[in-house]
PDB file of N, CA and C in Angstrom:
ATOM      1  N   MET A   1     123.900 165.486  65.198  1.00  0.00           N
ATOM      2  CA  MET A   1     122.989 164.402  65.436  1.00  0.00           C
ATOM      3  C   MET A   1     122.036 164.798  66.561  1.00  0.00           C
ATOM      4  N   GLY A   2     120.778 164.441  66.400  1.00  0.00           N
ATOM      5  CA  GLY A   2     119.779 164.753  67.406  1.00  0.00           C
ATOM      6  C   GLY A   2     119.422 163.540  68.243  1.00  0.00           C
ATOM      7  N   ARG A   3     118.598 163.767  69.217  1.00  0.00           N
ATOM      8  CA  ARG A   3     118.109 162.697  70.079  1.00  0.00           C
ATOM      9  C   ARG A   3     116.598 162.817  70.183  1.00  0.00           C
ATOM     10  N   CYS A   4     115.924 161.685  70.148  1.00  0.00           N
ATOM     11  CA  CYS A   4     114.461 161.646  70.241  1.00  0.00           C
ATOM     12  C   CYS A   4     114.048 161.055  71.574  1.00  0.00           C
ATOM     13  N   TYR A   5     113.047 161.660  72.173  1.00  0.00           N
ATOM     14  CA  TYR A   5     112.524 161.232  73.464  1.00  0.00           C
ATOM     15  C   TYR A   5     111.014 161.078  73.384  1.00  0.00           C
ATOM     16  N   ARG A   6     110.489 160.024  73.951  1.00  0.00           N
ATOM     17  CA  ARG A   6     109.038 159.805  74.003  1.00  0.00           C
ATOM     18  C   ARG A   6     108.506 160.402  75.293  1.00  0.00           C
ATOM     19  N   LEU A   7     107.375 161.108  75.180  1.00  0.00           N
ATOM     20  CA  LEU A   7     106.707 161.657  76.350  1.00  0.00           C
ATOM     21  C   LEU A   7     105.870 160.552  76.981  1.00  0.00           C
ATOM     22  N   THR A   8     105.893 160.464  78.297  1.00  0.00           N
ATOM     23  CA  THR A   8     105.193 159.379  78.977  1.00  0.00           C
ATOM     24  C   THR A   8     103.726 159.682  79.230  1.00  0.00           C
ATOM     25  N   LYS A   9     103.296 160.915  78.964  1.00  0.00           N
ATOM     26  CA  LYS A   9     101.890 161.278  79.118  1.00  0.00           C
ATOM     27  C   LYS A   9     101.430 161.990  77.849  1.00  0.00           C
ATOM     28  N   THR A  10     100.143 161.899  77.583  1.00  0.00           N
ATOM     29  CA  THR A  10      99.564 162.578  76.435  1.00  0.00           C
ATOM     30  C   THR A  10      99.407 164.058  76.752  1.00  0.00           C
ATOM     31  N   ILE A  11      99.827 164.897  75.795  1.00  0.00           N
ATOM     32  CA  ILE A  11      99.670 166.340  75.943  1.00  0.00           C
ATOM     33  C   ILE A  11      98.928 166.875  74.725  1.00  0.00           C
ATOM     34  N   THR A  12      98.387 168.076  74.868  1.00  0.00           N
ATOM     35  CA  THR A  12      97.679 168.712  73.756  1.00  0.00           C
ATOM     36  C   THR A  12      98.692 169.421  72.854  1.00  0.00           C
ATOM     37  N   GLN A  13      98.236 169.816  71.687  1.00  0.00           N
ATOM     38  CA  GLN A  13      99.095 170.557  70.766  1.00  0.00           C
ATOM     39  C   GLN A  13      99.525 171.872  71.401  1.00  0.00           C
ATOM     40  N   GLU A  14      98.609 172.540  72.078  1.00  0.00           N
ATOM     41  CA  GLU A  14      98.927 173.804  72.741  1.00  0.00           C
ATOM     42  C   GLU A  14     100.016 173.612  73.802  1.00  0.00           C
ATOM     43  N   GLU A  15      99.898 172.550  74.588  1.00  0.00           N
ATOM     44  CA  GLU A  15     100.901 172.270  75.622  1.00  0.00           C
ATOM     45  C   GLU A  15     102.254 171.964  74.983  1.00  0.00           C
ATOM     46  N   GLY A  16     102.257 171.204  73.895  1.00  0.00           N
ATOM     47  CA  GLY A  16     103.498 170.884  73.197  1.00  0.00           C
ATOM     48  C   GLY A  16     104.172 172.124  72.643  1.00  0.00           C
ATOM     49  N   GLU A  17     103.380 172.987  72.025  1.00  0.00           N
ATOM     50  CA  GLU A  17     103.935 174.225  71.471  1.00  0.00           C
ATOM     51  C   GLU A  17     104.487 175.128  72.571  1.00  0.00           C
ATOM     52  N   ARG A  18     103.775 175.185  73.689  1.00  0.00           N
ATOM     53  CA  ARG A  18     104.238 176.003  74.811  1.00  0.00           C
ATOM     54  C   ARG A  18     105.558 175.474  75.365  1.00  0.00           C
ATOM     55  N   ALA A  19     105.671 174.153  75.494  1.00  0.00           N
ATOM     56  CA  ALA A  19     106.900 173.555  76.006  1.00  0.00           C
ATOM     57  C   ALA A  19     108.073 173.835  75.074  1.00  0.00           C
ATOM     58  N   VAL A  20     107.874 173.622  73.778  1.00  0.00           N
ATOM     59  CA  VAL A  20     108.945 173.872  72.804  1.00  0.00           C
ATOM     60  C   VAL A  20     109.370 175.337  72.850  1.00  0.00           C
ATOM     61  N   LYS A  21     108.402 176.243  72.942  1.00  0.00           N
ATOM     62  CA  LYS A  21     108.713 177.674  73.005  1.00  0.00           C
ATOM     63  C   LYS A  21     109.551 177.990  74.243  1.00  0.00           C
ATOM     64  N   GLU A  22     109.154 177.450  75.396  1.00  0.00           N
ATOM     65  CA  GLU A  22     109.903 177.710  76.630  1.00  0.00           C
ATOM     66  C   GLU A  22     111.325 177.161  76.549  1.00  0.00           C
ATOM     67  N   ILE A  23     111.467 175.968  76.000  1.00  0.00           N
ATOM     68  CA  ILE A  23     112.800 175.356  75.897  1.00  0.00           C
ATOM     69  C   ILE A  23     113.688 176.183  74.977  1.00  0.00           C
ATOM     70  N   THR A  24     113.168 176.566  73.813  1.00  0.00           N
ATOM     71  CA  THR A  24     113.994 177.315  72.851  1.00  0.00           C
ATOM     72  C   THR A  24     114.279 178.733  73.328  1.00  0.00           C
ATOM     73  N   GLU A  25     113.380 179.319  74.100  1.00  0.00           N
ATOM     74  CA  GLU A  25     113.661 180.638  74.665  1.00  0.00           C
ATOM     75  C   GLU A  25     114.802 180.565  75.671  1.00  0.00           C
ATOM     76  N   LYS A  26     114.834 179.496  76.433  1.00  0.00           N
ATOM     77  CA  LYS A  26     115.882 179.331  77.445  1.00  0.00           C
ATOM     78  C   LYS A  26     117.193 178.840  76.848  1.00  0.00           C
ATOM     79  N   HIS A  27     117.101 178.070  75.759  1.00  0.00           N
ATOM     80  CA  HIS A  27     118.286 177.481  75.128  1.00  0.00           C
ATOM     81  C   HIS A  27     118.257 177.778  73.628  1.00  0.00           C
ATOM     82  N   SER A  28     118.639 178.985  73.284  1.00  0.00           N
ATOM     83  CA  SER A  28     118.579 179.404  71.872  1.00  0.00           C
ATOM     84  C   SER A  28     119.531 178.603  70.987  1.00  0.00           C
ATOM     85  N   GLU A  29     120.512 177.939  71.589  1.00  0.00           N
ATOM     86  CA  GLU A  29     121.461 177.133  70.813  1.00  0.00           C
ATOM     87  C   GLU A  29     120.872 175.787  70.401  1.00  0.00           C
ATOM     88  N   ALA A  30     119.732 175.423  70.967  1.00  0.00           N
ATOM     89  CA  ALA A  30     119.131 174.111  70.706  1.00  0.00           C
ATOM     90  C   ALA A  30     118.023 174.214  69.667  1.00  0.00           C
ATOM     91  N   GLU A  31     117.937 173.188  68.829  1.00  0.00           N
ATOM     92  CA  GLU A  31     116.815 173.042  67.904  1.00  0.00           C
ATOM     93  C   GLU A  31     115.890 172.000  68.513  1.00  0.00           C
ATOM     94  N   VAL A  32     114.652 172.390  68.767  1.00  0.00           N
ATOM     95  CA  VAL A  32     113.704 171.530  69.468  1.00  0.00           C
ATOM     96  C   VAL A  32     112.430 171.414  68.645  1.00  0.00           C
ATOM     97  N   GLN A  33     111.961 170.185  68.454  1.00  0.00           N
ATOM     98  CA  GLN A  33     110.728 169.943  67.709  1.00  0.00           C
ATOM     99  C   GLN A  33     109.904 168.897  68.445  1.00  0.00           C
ATOM    100  N   ILE A  34     108.590 169.018  68.290  1.00  0.00           N
ATOM    101  CA  ILE A  34     107.701 167.999  68.838  1.00  0.00           C
ATOM    102  C   ILE A  34     106.929 167.390  67.673  1.00  0.00           C
ATOM    103  N   SER A  35     106.672 166.099  67.761  1.00  0.00           N
ATOM    104  CA  SER A  35     105.995 165.404  66.669  1.00  0.00           C
ATOM    105  C   SER A  35     104.548 165.891  66.534  1.00  0.00           C
ATOM    106  N   VAL A  36     103.971 165.637  65.369  1.00  0.00           N
ATOM    107  CA  VAL A  36     102.605 166.068  65.078  1.00  0.00           C
ATOM    108  C   VAL A  36     101.615 165.511  66.102  1.00  0.00           C
ATOM    109  N   ASP A  37     101.833 164.276  66.537  1.00  0.00           N
ATOM    110  CA  ASP A  37     100.924 163.675  67.521  1.00  0.00           C
ATOM    111  C   ASP A  37     101.303 164.008  68.970  1.00  0.00           C
ATOM    112  N   GLN A  38     102.279 164.871  69.150  1.00  0.00           N
ATOM    113  CA  GLN A  38     102.703 165.359  70.471  1.00  0.00           C
ATOM    114  C   GLN A  38     103.259 164.264  71.368  1.00  0.00           C
ATOM    115  N   SER A  39     103.774 163.191  70.770  1.00  0.00           N
ATOM    116  CA  SER A  39     104.248 162.074  71.597  1.00  0.00           C
ATOM    117  C   SER A  39     105.764 161.974  71.664  1.00  0.00           C
ATOM    118  N   GLU A  40     106.473 162.724  70.812  1.00  0.00           N
ATOM    119  CA  GLU A  40     107.920 162.588  70.740  1.00  0.00           C
ATOM    120  C   GLU A  40     108.586 163.955  70.596  1.00  0.00           C
ATOM    121  N   LEU A  41     109.652 164.146  71.347  1.00  0.00           N
ATOM    122  CA  LEU A  41     110.429 165.378  71.325  1.00  0.00           C
ATOM    123  C   LEU A  41     111.779 165.087  70.689  1.00  0.00           C
ATOM    124  N   THR A  42     112.189 165.929  69.736  1.00  0.00           N
ATOM    125  CA  THR A  42     113.510 165.806  69.117  1.00  0.00           C
ATOM    126  C   THR A  42     114.334 167.027  69.491  1.00  0.00           C
ATOM    127  N   VAL A  43     115.552 166.779  69.962  1.00  0.00           N
ATOM    128  CA  VAL A  43     116.447 167.854  70.394  1.00  0.00           C
ATOM    129  C   VAL A  43     117.765 167.708  69.653  1.00  0.00           C
ATOM    130  N   ARG A  44     118.233 168.831  69.108  1.00  0.00           N
ATOM    131  CA  ARG A  44     119.553 168.880  68.482  1.00  0.00           C
ATOM    132  C   ARG A  44     120.317 170.048  69.104  1.00  0.00           C
ATOM    133  N   THR A  45     121.487 169.730  69.636  1.00  0.00           N
ATOM    134  CA  THR A  45     122.344 170.751  70.228  1.00  0.00           C
ATOM    135  C   THR A  45     123.750 170.172  70.333  1.00  0.00           C
ATOM    136  N   GLU A  46     124.666 170.972  70.784  1.00  0.00           N
ATOM    137  CA  GLU A  46     126.034 170.497  70.974  1.00  0.00           C
ATOM    138  C   GLU A  46     126.043 169.469  72.111  1.00  0.00           C
ATOM    139  N   GLU A  47     126.910 168.500  71.994  1.00  0.00           N
ATOM    140  CA  GLU A  47     126.974 167.395  72.955  1.00  0.00           C
ATOM    141  C   GLU A  47     127.024 167.881  74.407  1.00  0.00           C
ATOM    142  N   GLU A  48     127.821 168.907  74.667  1.00  0.00           N
ATOM    143  CA  GLU A  48     127.985 169.382  76.043  1.00  0.00           C
ATOM    144  C   GLU A  48     126.739 170.106  76.577  1.00  0.00           C
ATOM    145  N   ASN A  49     125.756 170.407  75.714  1.00  0.00           N
ATOM    146  CA  ASN A  49     124.552 171.124  76.138  1.00  0.00           C
ATOM    147  C   ASN A  49     123.363 170.208  76.435  1.00  0.00           C
ATOM    148  N   TYR A  50     123.426 168.941  76.024  1.00  0.00           N
ATOM    149  CA  TYR A  50     122.266 168.069  76.176  1.00  0.00           C
ATOM    150  C   TYR A  50     121.780 167.963  77.612  1.00  0.00           C
ATOM    151  N   TYR A  51     122.679 167.822  78.543  1.00  0.00           N
ATOM    152  CA  TYR A  51     122.267 167.652  79.936  1.00  0.00           C
ATOM    153  C   TYR A  51     121.418 168.836  80.404  1.00  0.00           C
ATOM    154  N   ARG A  52     121.897 170.053  80.163  1.00  0.00           N
ATOM    155  CA  ARG A  52     121.154 171.253  80.595  1.00  0.00           C
ATOM    156  C   ARG A  52     119.814 171.374  79.876  1.00  0.00           C
ATOM    157  N   VAL A  53     119.828 171.174  78.555  1.00  0.00           N
ATOM    158  CA  VAL A  53     118.599 171.308  77.772  1.00  0.00           C
ATOM    159  C   VAL A  53     117.566 170.277  78.214  1.00  0.00           C
ATOM    160  N   LEU A  54     117.996 169.029  78.370  1.00  0.00           N
ATOM    161  CA  LEU A  54     117.047 167.972  78.737  1.00  0.00           C
ATOM    162  C   LEU A  54     116.573 168.091  80.173  1.00  0.00           C
ATOM    163  N   THR A  55     117.414 168.549  81.073  1.00  0.00           N
ATOM    164  CA  THR A  55     116.977 168.776  82.447  1.00  0.00           C
ATOM    165  C   THR A  55     115.872 169.822  82.478  1.00  0.00           C
ATOM    166  N   ASP A  56     116.077 170.929  81.746  1.00  0.00           N
ATOM    167  CA  ASP A  56     115.054 171.963  81.693  1.00  0.00           C
ATOM    168  C   ASP A  56     113.801 171.464  80.969  1.00  0.00           C
ATOM    169  N   ALA A  57     113.975 170.705  79.881  1.00  0.00           N
ATOM    170  CA  ALA A  57     112.824 170.170  79.149  1.00  0.00           C
ATOM    171  C   ALA A  57     111.985 169.270  80.059  1.00  0.00           C
ATOM    172  N   LEU A  58     112.633 168.425  80.809  1.00  0.00           N
ATOM    173  CA  LEU A  58     111.923 167.537  81.721  1.00  0.00           C
ATOM    174  C   LEU A  58     111.120 168.330  82.744  1.00  0.00           C
ATOM    175  N   ASN A  59     111.728 169.368  83.306  1.00  0.00           N
ATOM    176  CA  ASN A  59     111.033 170.203  84.289  1.00  0.00           C
ATOM    177  C   ASN A  59     109.857 170.946  83.663  1.00  0.00           C
ATOM    178  N   ILE A  60     110.030 171.420  82.447  1.00  0.00           N
ATOM    179  CA  ILE A  60     108.961 172.143  81.753  1.00  0.00           C
ATOM    180  C   ILE A  60     107.789 171.213  81.468  1.00  0.00           C
ATOM    181  N   PHE A  61     108.061 170.023  80.917  1.00  0.00           N
ATOM    182  CA  PHE A  61     106.972 169.092  80.631  1.00  0.00           C
ATOM    183  C   PHE A  61     106.279 168.643  81.904  1.00  0.00           C
ATOM    184  N   ASP A  62     107.018 168.443  82.976  1.00  0.00           N
ATOM    185  CA  ASP A  62     106.410 168.035  84.248  1.00  0.00           C
ATOM    186  C   ASP A  62     105.529 169.145  84.809  1.00  0.00           C
ATOM    187  N   ARG A  63     105.918 170.383  84.601  1.00  0.00           N
ATOM    188  CA  ARG A  63     105.096 171.503  85.070  1.00  0.00           C
ATOM    189  C   ARG A  63     103.824 171.627  84.235  1.00  0.00           C
ATOM    190  N   ILE A  64     103.955 171.468  82.914  1.00  0.00           N
ATOM    191  CA  ILE A  64     102.801 171.585  82.022  1.00  0.00           C
ATOM    192  C   ILE A  64     101.833 170.425  82.220  1.00  0.00           C
ATOM    193  N   ARG A  65     102.377 169.215  82.331  1.00  0.00           N
ATOM    194  CA  ARG A  65     101.565 168.002  82.523  1.00  0.00           C
ATOM    195  C   ARG A  65     102.214 167.201  83.648  1.00  0.00           C
ATOM    196  N   PRO A  66     101.762 167.403  84.892  1.00  0.00           N
ATOM    197  CA  PRO A  66     102.397 166.737  86.023  1.00  0.00           C
ATOM    198  C   PRO A  66     102.572 165.226  85.798  1.00  0.00           C
ATOM    199  N   GLY A  67     103.778 164.775  86.099  1.00  0.00           N
ATOM    200  CA  GLY A  67     104.114 163.368  85.942  1.00  0.00           C
ATOM    201  C   GLY A  67     104.646 163.003  84.567  1.00  0.00           C
ATOM    202  N   CYS A  68     104.647 163.955  83.638  1.00  0.00           N
ATOM    203  CA  CYS A  68     105.154 163.689  82.289  1.00  0.00           C
ATOM    204  C   CYS A  68     106.683 163.605  82.335  1.00  0.00           C
ATOM    205  N   GLU A  69     107.211 162.506  81.829  1.00  0.00           N
ATOM    206  CA  GLU A  69     108.655 162.307  81.782  1.00  0.00           C
ATOM    207  C   GLU A  69     109.088 162.091  80.341  1.00  0.00           C
ATOM    208  N   LEU A  70     110.382 162.137  80.110  1.00  0.00           N
ATOM    209  CA  LEU A  70     110.952 161.914  78.786  1.00  0.00           C
ATOM    210  C   LEU A  70     111.773 160.642  78.822  1.00  0.00           C
ATOM    211  N   SER A  71     111.554 159.785  77.843  1.00  0.00           N
ATOM    212  CA  SER A  71     112.274 158.521  77.755  1.00  0.00           C
ATOM    213  C   SER A  71     113.009 158.460  76.423  1.00  0.00           C
ATOM    214  N   PHE A  72     114.329 158.254  76.466  1.00  0.00           N
ATOM    215  CA  PHE A  72     115.128 158.208  75.247  1.00  0.00           C
ATOM    216  C   PHE A  72     114.625 157.090  74.333  1.00  0.00           C
ATOM    217  N   VAL A  73     114.494 157.445  73.021  1.00  0.00           N
ATOM    218  CA  VAL A  73     114.031 156.470  72.033  1.00  0.00           C
ATOM    219  C   VAL A  73     115.137 156.100  71.051  1.00  0.00           C
ATOM    220  N   ARG A  74     115.798 157.135  70.487  1.00  0.00           N
ATOM    221  CA  ARG A  74     116.808 156.880  69.447  1.00  0.00           C
ATOM    222  C   ARG A  74     117.575 158.160  69.124  1.00  0.00           C
ATOM    223  N   PHE A  75     118.671 157.975  68.428  1.00  0.00           N
ATOM    224  CA  PHE A  75     119.374 159.113  67.841  1.00  0.00           C
ATOM    225  C   PHE A  75     118.720 159.410  66.503  1.00  0.00           C
ATOM    226  N   SER A  76     118.707 160.675  66.126  1.00  0.00           N
ATOM    227  CA  SER A  76     118.107 161.021  64.832  1.00  0.00           C
ATOM    228  C   SER A  76     119.114 161.751  63.961  1.00  0.00           C
TER     229      SER A  76
END
């Protein structure tokens, strides 16, 4: 089961692709996707890995777009 998170700031497609690439390079065990409109991130990984993956994802998005946070939306 995956988890979906809404980004609190608007990002470009290039920024979204860069973030997903950085996350998956650091966490090869995780499946990470960003929505077509770049507003939602979906993460699938083992339960014990979510904390590490999401902590790094949050830091990556904040670096790419300062102030960008992730807000849980739903399980997928």
